[in-house]
PDB file of N, CA and C in Angstrom:
ATOM      1  N   GLU A   1     -29.113 -27.966 -26.332  1.00  0.00           N
ATOM      2  CA  GLU A   1     -27.288 -28.716 -26.257  1.00  0.00           C
ATOM      3  C   GLU A   1     -27.597 -30.125 -25.812  1.00  0.00           C
ATOM      4  N   LEU A   2     -28.636 -31.096 -25.786  1.00  0.00           N
ATOM      5  CA  LEU A   2     -28.846 -32.364 -25.392  1.00  0.00           C
ATOM      6  C   LEU A   2     -29.473 -32.862 -26.872  1.00  0.00           C
ATOM      7  N   SER A   3     -29.160 -34.255 -26.567  1.00  0.00           N
ATOM      8  CA  SER A   3     -29.339 -35.173 -28.066  1.00  0.00           C
ATOM      9  C   SER A   3     -30.461 -35.970 -27.379  1.00  0.00           C
ATOM     10  N   SER A   4     -31.397 -36.374 -28.159  1.00  0.00           N
ATOM     11  CA  SER A   4     -32.405 -36.753 -26.983  1.00  0.00           C
ATOM     12  C   SER A   4     -32.649 -38.327 -28.070  1.00  0.00           C
ATOM     13  N   LEU A   5     -32.782 -39.684 -27.156  1.00  0.00           N
ATOM     14  CA  LEU A   5     -32.987 -41.370 -27.307  1.00  0.00           C
ATOM     15  C   LEU A   5     -34.169 -41.188 -27.256  1.00  0.00           C
ATOM     16  N   ALA A   6     -35.688 -41.866 -28.136  1.00  0.00           N
ATOM     17  CA  ALA A   6     -36.691 -41.720 -27.677  1.00  0.00           C
ATOM     18  C   ALA A   6     -36.929 -43.738 -27.844  1.00  0.00           C
ATOM     19  N   VAL A   7     -37.326 -44.067 -27.048  1.00  0.00           N
ATOM     20  CA  VAL A   7     -37.184 -45.219 -26.776  1.00  0.00           C
ATOM     21  C   VAL A   7     -38.705 -45.663 -26.310  1.00  0.00           C
ATOM     22  N   GLY A   8     -39.416 -46.094 -27.435  1.00  0.00           N
ATOM     23  CA  GLY A   8     -40.785 -46.154 -27.825  1.00  0.00           C
ATOM     24  C   GLY A   8     -41.103 -48.008 -26.216  1.00  0.00           C
ATOM     25  N   THR A   9     -42.199 -47.537 -25.731  1.00  0.00           N
ATOM     26  CA  THR A   9     -42.728 -49.273 -25.642  1.00  0.00           C
ATOM     27  C   THR A   9     -44.847 -50.235 -26.630  1.00  0.00           C
ATOM     28  N   SER A  10     -44.643 -51.126 -26.637  1.00  0.00           N
ATOM     29  CA  SER A  10     -45.578 -51.843 -27.011  1.00  0.00           C
ATOM     30  C   SER A  10     -47.057 -51.453 -26.669  1.00  0.00           C
ATOM     31  N   SER A  11     -47.161 -50.286 -25.433  1.00  0.00           N
ATOM     32  CA  SER A  11     -48.368 -50.885 -25.320  1.00  0.00           C
ATOM     33  C   SER A  11     -48.707 -48.794 -25.261  1.00  0.00           C
ATOM     34  N   GLY A  12     -50.360 -49.971 -25.825  1.00  0.00           N
ATOM     35  CA  GLY A  12     -50.620 -48.233 -26.994  1.00  0.00           C
ATOM     36  C   GLY A  12     -50.329 -47.993 -28.256  1.00  0.00           C
ATOM     37  N   SER A  13     -49.508 -47.598 -28.393  1.00  0.00           N
ATOM     38  CA  SER A  13     -48.869 -47.177 -30.093  1.00  0.00           C
ATOM     39  C   SER A  13     -48.677 -47.660 -30.322  1.00  0.00           C
ATOM     40  N   GLY A  14     -48.678 -49.246 -30.299  1.00  0.00           N
ATOM     41  CA  GLY A  14     -48.074 -50.329 -30.539  1.00  0.00           C
ATOM     42  C   GLY A  14     -46.324 -50.187 -30.748  1.00  0.00           C
ATOM     43  N   ASN A  15     -45.534 -50.392 -31.761  1.00  0.00           N
ATOM     44  CA  ASN A  15     -44.950 -50.268 -31.728  1.00  0.00           C
ATOM     45  C   ASN A  15     -43.896 -49.329 -31.948  1.00  0.00           C
ATOM     46  N   SER A  16     -44.826 -48.372 -31.391  1.00  0.00           N
ATOM     47  CA  SER A  16     -44.217 -46.794 -33.123  1.00  0.00           C
ATOM     48  C   SER A  16     -43.413 -45.879 -31.651  1.00  0.00           C
ATOM     49  N   ILE A  17     -42.099 -45.865 -32.202  1.00  0.00           N
ATOM     50  CA  ILE A  17     -41.157 -45.331 -31.463  1.00  0.00           C
ATOM     51  C   ILE A  17     -41.632 -43.682 -31.934  1.00  0.00           C
ATOM     52  N   THR A  18     -42.265 -43.117 -31.738  1.00  0.00           N
ATOM     53  CA  THR A  18     -42.901 -42.087 -31.466  1.00  0.00           C
ATOM     54  C   THR A  18     -43.637 -41.617 -31.077  1.00  0.00           C
ATOM     55  N   GLY A  19     -44.399 -42.668 -30.343  1.00  0.00           N
ATOM     56  CA  GLY A  19     -45.747 -42.772 -30.152  1.00  0.00           C
ATOM     57  C   GLY A  19     -45.832 -42.213 -28.565  1.00  0.00           C
ATOM     58  N   ILE A  20     -46.402 -40.461 -28.272  1.00  0.00           N
ATOM     59  CA  ILE A  20     -45.745 -40.239 -27.140  1.00  0.00           C
ATOM     60  C   ILE A  20     -46.872 -40.636 -25.779  1.00  0.00           C
ATOM     61  N   ARG A  21     -47.343 -41.024 -26.191  1.00  0.00           N
ATOM     62  CA  ARG A  21     -48.637 -41.387 -25.154  1.00  0.00           C
ATOM     63  C   ARG A  21     -47.189 -42.347 -23.993  1.00  0.00           C
ATOM     64  N   ASN A  22     -46.972 -43.166 -24.000  1.00  0.00           N
ATOM     65  CA  ASN A  22     -45.954 -44.104 -23.675  1.00  0.00           C
ATOM     66  C   ASN A  22     -44.514 -43.820 -23.674  1.00  0.00           C
ATOM     67  N   ALA A  23     -43.839 -43.087 -24.309  1.00  0.00           N
ATOM     68  CA  ALA A  23     -42.569 -43.553 -25.550  1.00  0.00           C
ATOM     69  C   ALA A  23     -41.791 -42.715 -23.994  1.00  0.00           C
ATOM     70  N   LEU A  24     -40.005 -42.837 -23.361  1.00  0.00           N
ATOM     71  CA  LEU A  24     -39.607 -42.818 -23.033  1.00  0.00           C
ATOM     72  C   LEU A  24     -38.766 -42.240 -24.104  1.00  0.00           C
ATOM     73  N   CYS A  25     -37.927 -40.662 -22.936  1.00  0.00           N
ATOM     74  CA  CYS A  25     -36.730 -39.884 -23.697  1.00  0.00           C
ATOM     75  C   CYS A  25     -35.814 -40.158 -22.456  1.00  0.00           C
ATOM     76  N   ILE A  26     -34.798 -39.939 -22.807  1.00  0.00           N
ATOM     77  CA  ILE A  26     -33.735 -40.207 -22.194  1.00  0.00           C
ATOM     78  C   ILE A  26     -32.253 -39.260 -22.969  1.00  0.00           C
ATOM     79  N   LEU A  27     -32.201 -38.525 -22.037  1.00  0.00           N
ATOM     80  CA  LEU A  27     -31.733 -37.301 -22.573  1.00  0.00           C
ATOM     81  C   LEU A  27     -29.907 -36.847 -22.011  1.00  0.00           C
ATOM     82  N   PHE A  28     -28.791 -36.944 -23.325  1.00  0.00           N
ATOM     83  CA  PHE A  28     -27.678 -37.461 -22.974  1.00  0.00           C
ATOM     84  C   PHE A  28     -27.049 -35.730 -23.116  1.00  0.00           C
ATOM     85  N   PRO A  29     -26.511 -35.595 -23.536  1.00  0.00           N
ATOM     86  CA  PRO A  29     -25.159 -34.249 -23.440  1.00  0.00           C
ATOM     87  C   PRO A  29     -24.446 -34.597 -25.339  1.00  0.00           C
ATOM     88  N   THR A  30     -24.177 -33.833 -25.215  1.00  0.00           N
ATOM     89  CA  THR A  30     -23.845 -34.024 -27.071  1.00  0.00           C
ATOM     90  C   THR A  30     -21.967 -32.956 -26.598  1.00  0.00           C
ATOM     91  N   GLU A  31     -21.322 -33.880 -27.182  1.00  0.00           N
ATOM     92  CA  GLU A  31     -20.080 -33.890 -26.933  1.00  0.00           C
ATOM     93  C   GLU A  31     -19.641 -32.230 -27.319  1.00  0.00           C
ATOM     94  N   ARG A  32     -20.601 -31.335 -27.438  1.00  0.00           N
ATOM     95  CA  ARG A  32     -20.227 -29.500 -27.998  1.00  0.00           C
ATOM     96  C   ARG A  32     -20.685 -28.929 -26.796  1.00  0.00           C
ATOM     97  N   SER A  33     -22.009 -30.145 -26.419  1.00  0.00           N
ATOM     98  CA  SER A  33     -22.136 -29.747 -24.831  1.00  0.00           C
ATOM     99  C   SER A  33     -21.403 -30.136 -23.524  1.00  0.00           C
ATOM    100  N   ARG A  34     -20.846 -30.996 -23.503  1.00  0.00           N
ATOM    101  CA  ARG A  34     -19.069 -31.120 -22.616  1.00  0.00           C
ATOM    102  C   ARG A  34     -18.739 -29.977 -23.016  1.00  0.00           C
ATOM    103  N   ASP A  35     -18.582 -29.828 -23.995  1.00  0.00           N
ATOM    104  CA  ASP A  35     -16.704 -29.092 -23.794  1.00  0.00           C
ATOM    105  C   ASP A  35     -17.159 -27.485 -23.947  1.00  0.00           C
ATOM    106  N   ARG A  36     -18.520 -27.177 -23.883  1.00  0.00           N
ATOM    107  CA  ARG A  36     -18.765 -25.682 -23.118  1.00  0.00           C
ATOM    108  C   ARG A  36     -19.095 -25.972 -22.122  1.00  0.00           C
ATOM    109  N   GLU A  37     -19.291 -27.140 -21.680  1.00  0.00           N
ATOM    110  CA  GLU A  37     -19.058 -26.445 -20.054  1.00  0.00           C
ATOM    111  C   GLU A  37     -18.044 -26.585 -19.281  1.00  0.00           C
ATOM    112  N   ARG A  38     -16.933 -27.625 -20.127  1.00  0.00           N
ATOM    113  CA  ARG A  38     -15.716 -27.547 -19.558  1.00  0.00           C
ATOM    114  C   ARG A  38     -14.592 -26.343 -19.642  1.00  0.00           C
ATOM    115  N   GLU A  39     -15.511 -25.680 -20.750  1.00  0.00           N
ATOM    116  CA  GLU A  39     -14.544 -24.120 -20.613  1.00  0.00           C
ATOM    117  C   GLU A  39     -15.041 -23.200 -20.179  1.00  0.00           C
ATOM    118  N   ARG A  40     -16.381 -23.463 -19.672  1.00  0.00           N
ATOM    119  CA  ARG A  40     -17.177 -22.528 -18.160  1.00  0.00           C
ATOM    120  C   ARG A  40     -16.208 -23.187 -17.388  1.00  0.00           C
ATOM    121  N   GLU A  41     -15.952 -23.893 -16.720  1.00  0.00           N
ATOM    122  CA  GLU A  41     -15.364 -24.604 -15.666  1.00  0.00           C
ATOM    123  C   GLU A  41     -14.292 -24.557 -15.975  1.00  0.00           C
ATOM    124  N   GLN A  42     -13.148 -24.203 -16.565  1.00  0.00           N
ATOM    125  CA  GLN A  42     -11.732 -24.064 -16.912  1.00  0.00           C
ATOM    126  C   GLN A  42     -12.166 -22.516 -16.770  1.00  0.00           C
ATOM    127  N   ALA A  43     -13.006 -21.708 -16.954  1.00  0.00           N
ATOM    128  CA  ALA A  43     -13.743 -20.010 -16.733  1.00  0.00           C
ATOM    129  C   ALA A  43     -13.570 -18.943 -14.992  1.00  0.00           C
ATOM    130  N   ARG A  44     -13.632 -20.681 -14.916  1.00  0.00           N
ATOM    131  CA  ARG A  44     -14.571 -20.189 -13.941  1.00  0.00           C
ATOM    132  C   ARG A  44     -13.334 -19.573 -12.805  1.00  0.00           C
ATOM    133  N   GLU A  45     -11.981 -21.516 -13.138  1.00  0.00           N
ATOM    134  CA  GLU A  45     -11.223 -21.478 -12.395  1.00  0.00           C
ATOM    135  C   GLU A  45     -10.381 -20.251 -12.573  1.00  0.00           C
ATOM    136  N   ARG A  46     -10.320 -20.311 -13.754  1.00  0.00           N
ATOM    137  CA  ARG A  46      -9.061 -18.650 -13.588  1.00  0.00           C
ATOM    138  C   ARG A  46      -9.487 -17.320 -13.896  1.00  0.00           C
ATOM    139  N   GLU A  47     -11.111 -17.345 -13.110  1.00  0.00           N
ATOM    140  CA  GLU A  47     -11.448 -16.348 -12.463  1.00  0.00           C
ATOM    141  C   GLU A  47     -11.314 -16.555 -10.636  1.00  0.00           C
ATOM    142  N   SER A  48     -11.311 -17.495 -10.366  1.00  0.00           N
ATOM    143  CA  SER A  48     -10.815 -17.822  -8.392  1.00  0.00           C
ATOM    144  C   SER A  48      -9.698 -17.621  -8.969  1.00  0.00           C
ATOM    145  N   VAL A  49      -8.769 -18.649  -9.047  1.00  0.00           N
ATOM    146  CA  VAL A  49      -7.251 -17.800  -9.246  1.00  0.00           C
ATOM    147  C   VAL A  49      -6.807 -16.611  -9.687  1.00  0.00           C
ATOM    148  N   ARG A  50      -7.859 -15.962 -11.347  1.00  0.00           N
ATOM    149  CA  ARG A  50      -7.679 -14.280 -10.394  1.00  0.00           C
ATOM    150  C   ARG A  50      -7.909 -13.323  -9.482  1.00  0.00           C
ATOM    151  N   GLY A  51      -8.619 -14.678  -8.986  1.00  0.00           N
ATOM    152  CA  GLY A  51      -9.605 -13.023  -7.786  1.00  0.00           C
ATOM    153  C   GLY A  51      -8.318 -13.786  -6.653  1.00  0.00           C
ATOM    154  N   ASN A  52      -7.893 -14.957  -6.423  1.00  0.00           N
ATOM    155  CA  ASN A  52      -7.016 -15.025  -5.184  1.00  0.00           C
ATOM    156  C   ASN A  52      -5.583 -14.512  -4.949  1.00  0.00           C
ATOM    157  N   VAL A  53      -5.073 -14.431  -6.717  1.00  0.00           N
ATOM    158  CA  VAL A  53      -4.250 -13.541  -6.751  1.00  0.00           C
ATOM    159  C   VAL A  53      -4.522 -12.434  -6.386  1.00  0.00           C
ATOM    160  N   ARG A  54      -5.365 -11.049  -7.064  1.00  0.00           N
ATOM    161  CA  ARG A  54      -5.935 -10.324  -6.739  1.00  0.00           C
ATOM    162  C   ARG A  54      -5.521  -9.592  -5.081  1.00  0.00           C
ATOM    163  N   ALA A  55      -6.737 -11.388  -4.770  1.00  0.00           N
ATOM    164  CA  ALA A  55      -6.747 -10.849  -2.958  1.00  0.00           C
ATOM    165  C   ALA A  55      -5.125 -11.138  -2.607  1.00  0.00           C
ATOM    166  N   ARG A  56      -4.682 -11.682  -2.935  1.00  0.00           N
ATOM    167  CA  ARG A  56      -2.375 -11.921  -2.624  1.00  0.00           C
ATOM    168  C   ARG A  56      -2.447 -10.621  -2.375  1.00  0.00           C
ATOM    169  N   GLU A  57      -2.631  -9.944  -4.120  1.00  0.00           N
ATOM    170  CA  GLU A  57      -1.299  -8.995  -3.894  1.00  0.00           C
ATOM    171  C   GLU A  57      -1.658  -7.447  -3.227  1.00  0.00           C
ATOM    172  N   ILE A  58      -3.265  -7.807  -3.253  1.00  0.00           N
ATOM    173  CA  ILE A  58      -3.995  -6.594  -2.180  1.00  0.00           C
ATOM    174  C   ILE A  58      -3.416  -6.996  -0.446  1.00  0.00           C
ATOM    175  N   ASN A  59      -3.515  -8.270   0.029  1.00  0.00           N
ATOM    176  CA  ASN A  59      -3.529  -8.257   1.251  1.00  0.00           C
ATOM    177  C   ASN A  59      -1.223  -7.982   0.748  1.00  0.00           C
ATOM    178  N   LYS A  60      -0.458  -8.525   0.559  1.00  0.00           N
ATOM    179  CA  LYS A  60       0.541  -7.572  -0.148  1.00  0.00           C
ATOM    180  C   LYS A  60       0.711  -6.083   0.097  1.00  0.00           C
ATOM    181  N   GLU A  61       0.213  -5.415  -0.999  1.00  0.00           N
ATOM    182  CA  GLU A  61       0.056  -3.866  -1.036  1.00  0.00           C
ATOM    183  C   GLU A  61       0.262  -3.640   0.845  1.00  0.00           C
ATOM    184  N   ARG A  62      -1.088  -4.360   1.275  1.00  0.00           N
ATOM    185  CA  ARG A  62      -1.620  -3.511   2.740  1.00  0.00           C
ATOM    186  C   ARG A  62      -0.696  -3.792   3.252  1.00  0.00           C
ATOM    187  N   ALA A  63      -0.019  -5.140   3.492  1.00  0.00           N
ATOM    188  CA  ALA A  63       0.959  -5.476   4.450  1.00  0.00           C
ATOM    189  C   ALA A  63       2.159  -4.506   4.046  1.00  0.00           C
ATOM    190  N   ARG A  64       2.589  -3.785   2.868  1.00  0.00           N
ATOM    191  CA  ARG A  64       3.977  -3.016   3.033  1.00  0.00           C
ATOM    192  C   ARG A  64       3.818  -1.518   3.436  1.00  0.00           C
ATOM    193  N   GLU A  65       1.841  -1.263   2.645  1.00  0.00           N
ATOM    194  CA  GLU A  65       1.744   0.359   3.700  1.00  0.00           C
ATOM    195  C   GLU A  65       1.977  -0.043   4.911  1.00  0.00           C
ATOM    196  N   SER A  66       1.592  -0.803   5.693  1.00  0.00           N
ATOM    197  CA  SER A  66       1.563  -1.294   7.162  1.00  0.00           C
ATOM    198  C   SER A  66       2.576  -0.912   7.774  1.00  0.00           C
ATOM    199  N   GLU A  67       3.945  -1.157   7.234  1.00  0.00           N
ATOM    200  CA  GLU A  67       5.151  -1.466   7.119  1.00  0.00           C
ATOM    201  C   GLU A  67       5.885  -0.183   7.249  1.00  0.00           C
ATOM    202  N   ARG A  68       5.083   0.969   6.527  1.00  0.00           N
ATOM    203  CA  ARG A  68       5.636   1.911   5.392  1.00  0.00           C
ATOM    204  C   ARG A  68       5.799   2.461   6.966  1.00  0.00           C
ATOM    205  N   LYS A  69       4.552   2.788   6.838  1.00  0.00           N
ATOM    206  CA  LYS A  69       3.271   3.657   7.837  1.00  0.00           C
ATOM    207  C   LYS A  69       4.146   3.768   9.570  1.00  0.00           C
ATOM    208  N   GLN A  70       4.833   2.139   9.246  1.00  0.00           N
ATOM    209  CA  GLN A  70       5.268   2.309  10.807  1.00  0.00           C
ATOM    210  C   GLN A  70       6.806   2.690  11.188  1.00  0.00           C
ATOM    211  N   GLU A  71       7.515   2.426  10.182  1.00  0.00           N
ATOM    212  CA  GLU A  71       8.454   2.863   9.660  1.00  0.00           C
ATOM    213  C   GLU A  71       8.597   4.681   9.625  1.00  0.00           C
ATOM    214  N   ARG A  72       7.871   5.136   9.567  1.00  0.00           N
ATOM    215  CA  ARG A  72       7.108   6.791   9.176  1.00  0.00           C
ATOM    216  C   ARG A  72       6.919   7.683  11.436  1.00  0.00           C
ATOM    217  N   GLU A  73       6.489   6.412  12.071  1.00  0.00           N
ATOM    218  CA  GLU A  73       5.760   6.769  13.288  1.00  0.00           C
ATOM    219  C   GLU A  73       6.991   6.941  14.006  1.00  0.00           C
ATOM    220  N   SER A  74       7.895   5.123  13.051  1.00  0.00           N
ATOM    221  CA  SER A  74       9.825   4.493  14.242  1.00  0.00           C
ATOM    222  C   SER A  74       9.897   6.129  13.944  1.00  0.00           C
ATOM    223  N   GLU A  75      10.558   6.499  12.895  1.00  0.00           N
ATOM    224  CA  GLU A  75      11.000   7.557  12.190  1.00  0.00           C
ATOM    225  C   GLU A  75      10.714   8.793  13.509  1.00  0.00           C
ATOM    226  N   ARG A  76       9.440   9.395  13.376  1.00  0.00           N
ATOM    227  CA  ARG A  76       8.374  10.549  13.936  1.00  0.00           C
ATOM    228  C   ARG A  76       9.370  10.657  15.272  1.00  0.00           C
ATOM    229  N   GLU A  77       9.611   8.983  16.205  1.00  0.00           N
ATOM    230  CA  GLU A  77       9.368   8.855  17.395  1.00  0.00           C
ATOM    231  C   GLU A  77      10.661   9.451  17.155  1.00  0.00           C
ATOM    232  N   ARG A  78      11.852   8.968  16.929  1.00  0.00           N
ATOM    233  CA  ARG A  78      13.609   8.392  16.553  1.00  0.00           C
ATOM    234  C   ARG A  78      13.696  10.414  16.907  1.00  0.00           C
ATOM    235  N   ASP A  79      12.698  11.233  15.985  1.00  0.00           N
ATOM    236  CA  ASP A  79      13.005  12.889  15.594  1.00  0.00           C
ATOM    237  C   ASP A  79      12.837  13.429  16.866  1.00  0.00           C
ATOM    238  N   LYS A  80      10.981  13.409  17.310  1.00  0.00           N
ATOM    239  CA  LYS A  80      11.056  13.449  18.623  1.00  0.00           C
ATOM    240  C   LYS A  80      12.079  13.560  19.961  1.00  0.00           C
ATOM    241  N   GLU A  81      13.040  12.579  20.202  1.00  0.00           N
ATOM    242  CA  GLU A  81      13.315  12.160  20.912  1.00  0.00           C
ATOM    243  C   GLU A  81      14.728  13.044  20.778  1.00  0.00           C
ATOM    244  N   LYS A  82      15.470  12.958  19.471  1.00  0.00           N
ATOM    245  CA  LYS A  82      16.494  13.780  19.051  1.00  0.00           C
ATOM    246  C   LYS A  82      15.958  15.469  19.936  1.00  0.00           C
ATOM    247  N   GLU A  83      14.814  15.496  19.518  1.00  0.00           N
ATOM    248  CA  GLU A  83      14.438  16.740  19.182  1.00  0.00           C
ATOM    249  C   GLU A  83      14.222  17.167  21.118  1.00  0.00           C
ATOM    250  N   GLN A  84      14.889  16.031  21.742  1.00  0.00           N
ATOM    251  CA  GLN A  84      14.317  16.668  23.898  1.00  0.00           C
ATOM    252  C   GLN A  84      15.512  16.473  23.822  1.00  0.00           C
ATOM    253  N   GLU A  85      16.213  15.448  23.446  1.00  0.00           N
ATOM    254  CA  GLU A  85      17.719  15.607  23.205  1.00  0.00           C
ATOM    255  C   GLU A  85      18.296  17.488  22.878  1.00  0.00           C
ATOM    256  N   ARG A  86      18.485  17.496  21.943  1.00  0.00           N
ATOM    257  CA  ARG A  86      19.026  18.775  22.112  1.00  0.00           C
ATOM    258  C   ARG A  86      17.873  19.940  22.744  1.00  0.00           C
ATOM    259  N   GLU A  87      16.846  19.918  23.405  1.00  0.00           N
ATOM    260  CA  GLU A  87      16.354  20.961  24.425  1.00  0.00           C
ATOM    261  C   GLU A  87      17.244  20.649  26.224  1.00  0.00           C
ATOM    262  N   ARG A  88      17.860  19.813  26.159  1.00  0.00           N
ATOM    263  CA  ARG A  88      17.617  18.675  27.305  1.00  0.00           C
ATOM    264  C   ARG A  88      19.244  19.646  27.929  1.00  0.00           C
ATOM    265  N   GLU A  89      19.659  19.300  26.322  1.00  0.00           N
ATOM    266  CA  GLU A  89      21.041  20.087  26.296  1.00  0.00           C
ATOM    267  C   GLU A  89      20.837  21.349  25.923  1.00  0.00           C
ATOM    268  N   ARG A  90      20.331  22.389  25.637  1.00  0.00           N
ATOM    269  CA  ARG A  90      20.610  23.410  25.302  1.00  0.00           C
ATOM    270  C   ARG A  90      20.142  24.155  26.859  1.00  0.00           C
ATOM    271  N   GLU A  91      19.067  23.244  27.651  1.00  0.00           N
ATOM    272  CA  GLU A  91      18.971  23.553  29.046  1.00  0.00           C
ATOM    273  C   GLU A  91      19.919  22.906  30.015  1.00  0.00           C
ATOM    274  N   ARG A  92      20.785  22.032  29.744  1.00  0.00           N
ATOM    275  CA  ARG A  92      22.034  22.049  30.142  1.00  0.00           C
ATOM    276  C   ARG A  92      22.699  23.603  30.518  1.00  0.00           C
ATOM    277  N   GLU A  93      23.422  23.366  29.151  1.00  0.00           N
ATOM    278  CA  GLU A  93      24.318  24.739  28.565  1.00  0.00           C
ATOM    279  C   GLU A  93      23.674  26.003  29.244  1.00  0.00           C
ATOM    280  N   ARG A  94      21.709  27.163  29.358  1.00  0.00           N
ATOM    281  CA  ARG A  94      22.072  27.300  30.259  1.00  0.00           C
ATOM    282  C   ARG A  94      22.274  27.775  31.495  1.00  0.00           C
ATOM    283  N   ASP A  95      22.000  26.460  31.836  1.00  0.00           N
ATOM    284  CA  ASP A  95      22.564  26.100  33.311  1.00  0.00           C
ATOM    285  C   ASP A  95      23.653  26.343  33.638  1.00  0.00           C
ATOM    286  N   ARG A  96      24.649  25.813  32.866  1.00  0.00           N
ATOM    287  CA  ARG A  96      26.010  25.824  32.910  1.00  0.00           C
ATOM    288  C   ARG A  96      26.702  27.651  32.299  1.00  0.00           C
ATOM    289  N   GLY A  97      25.963  27.835  32.277  1.00  0.00           N
ATOM    290  CA  GLY A  97      26.257  29.829  31.942  1.00  0.00           C
ATOM    291  C   GLY A  97      24.846  30.922  32.709  1.00  0.00           C
ATOM    292  N   ARG A  98      24.249  30.024  33.970  1.00  0.00           N
ATOM    293  CA  ARG A  98      23.982  30.560  34.904  1.00  0.00           C
ATOM    294  C   ARG A  98      24.782  30.334  36.307  1.00  0.00           C
ATOM    295  N   ALA A  99      25.398  29.043  36.165  1.00  0.00           N
ATOM    296  CA  ALA A  99      27.172  29.081  36.866  1.00  0.00           C
ATOM    297  C   ALA A  99      27.854  30.216  36.694  1.00  0.00           C
ATOM    298  N   ARG A 100      28.020  29.790  35.791  1.00  0.00           N
ATOM    299  CA  ARG A 100      29.166  30.695  35.007  1.00  0.00           C
ATOM    300  C   ARG A 100      29.225  31.968  35.161  1.00  0.00           C
ATOM    301  N   GLU A 101      27.850  32.903  35.531  1.00  0.00           N
ATOM    302  CA  GLU A 101      27.484  34.729  36.130  1.00  0.00           C
ATOM    303  C   GLU A 101      27.831  33.995  37.901  1.00  0.00           C
ATOM    304  N   ARG A 102      26.205  33.025  37.893  1.00  0.00           N
ATOM    305  CA  ARG A 102      26.782  33.478  39.686  1.00  0.00           C
ATOM    306  C   ARG A 102      27.838  33.416  40.624  1.00  0.00           C
ATOM    307  N   GLN A 103      29.430  32.066  39.694  1.00  0.00           N
ATOM    308  CA  GLN A 103      30.506  32.208  39.756  1.00  0.00           C
ATOM    309  C   GLN A 103      31.578  34.001  39.855  1.00  0.00           C
ATOM    310  N   GLN A 104      31.221  34.397  38.920  1.00  0.00           N
ATOM    311  CA  GLN A 104      31.764  35.475  38.841  1.00  0.00           C
ATOM    312  C   GLN A 104      31.287  36.588  39.497  1.00  0.00           C
ATOM    313  N   GLU A 105      29.744  36.270  39.794  1.00  0.00           N
ATOM    314  CA  GLU A 105      28.956  37.486  40.655  1.00  0.00           C
ATOM    315  C   GLU A 105      29.844  37.869  41.979  1.00  0.00           C
ATOM    316  N   SER A 106      30.534  35.979  42.173  1.00  0.00           N
ATOM    317  CA  SER A 106      30.211  36.174  43.852  1.00  0.00           C
ATOM    318  C   SER A 106      31.931  36.402  43.908  1.00  0.00           C
ATOM    319  N   LYS A 107      32.271  36.160  42.837  1.00  0.00           N
ATOM    320  CA  LYS A 107      34.017  36.322  43.262  1.00  0.00           C
ATOM    321  C   LYS A 107      33.966  37.948  42.817  1.00  0.00           C
ATOM    322  N   ARG A 108      33.475  38.826  42.565  1.00  0.00           N
ATOM    323  CA  ARG A 108      33.137  40.588  42.108  1.00  0.00           C
ATOM    324  C   ARG A 108      32.603  40.455  43.962  1.00  0.00           C
ATOM    325  N   ASP A 109      32.259  40.183  44.488  1.00  0.00           N
ATOM    326  CA  ASP A 109      31.762  39.970  45.875  1.00  0.00           C
ATOM    327  C   ASP A 109      32.824  39.904  46.938  1.00  0.00           C
ATOM    328  N   ARG A 110      32.812  39.482  46.534  1.00  0.00           N
ATOM    329  CA  ARG A 110      34.183  38.845  47.132  1.00  0.00           C
ATOM    330  C   ARG A 110      35.693  39.873  46.862  1.00  0.00           C
ATOM    331  N   GLU A 111      35.741  40.528  45.963  1.00  0.00           N
ATOM    332  CA  GLU A 111      36.582  41.092  45.808  1.00  0.00           C
ATOM    333  C   GLU A 111      36.717  42.448  45.617  1.00  0.00           C
ATOM    334  N   ARG A 112      35.374  42.756  46.064  1.00  0.00           N
ATOM    335  CA  ARG A 112      34.816  44.397  46.821  1.00  0.00           C
ATOM    336  C   ARG A 112      34.813  44.685  48.119  1.00  0.00           C
ATOM    337  N   LYS A 113      34.965  43.429  49.122  1.00  0.00           N
ATOM    338  CA  LYS A 113      35.196  43.371  50.067  1.00  0.00           C
ATOM    339  C   LYS A 113      36.479  43.375  50.350  1.00  0.00           C
TER     340      LYS A 113
END
């Protein structure tokens, strides 16, 4: 995809531009090759942008998942605390029941005497 410009010299092969021995060949890109290189560069940039966008999406999803996990953990902790409070309340109720029984038993003992 390169065009060449041959520049001849006068030594060796006279003034012949095609003389290989002393010819200097300068290569330069054609318009089409520049267009293709530009297209390749744009494609690389698009891929880079897509990659960056995808990476950001992945990071956002990971952050959301982490947040959901934390919320589930907090909810489990709250449920655990509620269950512990219910258990303490049941224990207090049992204690009150036992205290009532002792009072009644004590009352019966006094009545018997």
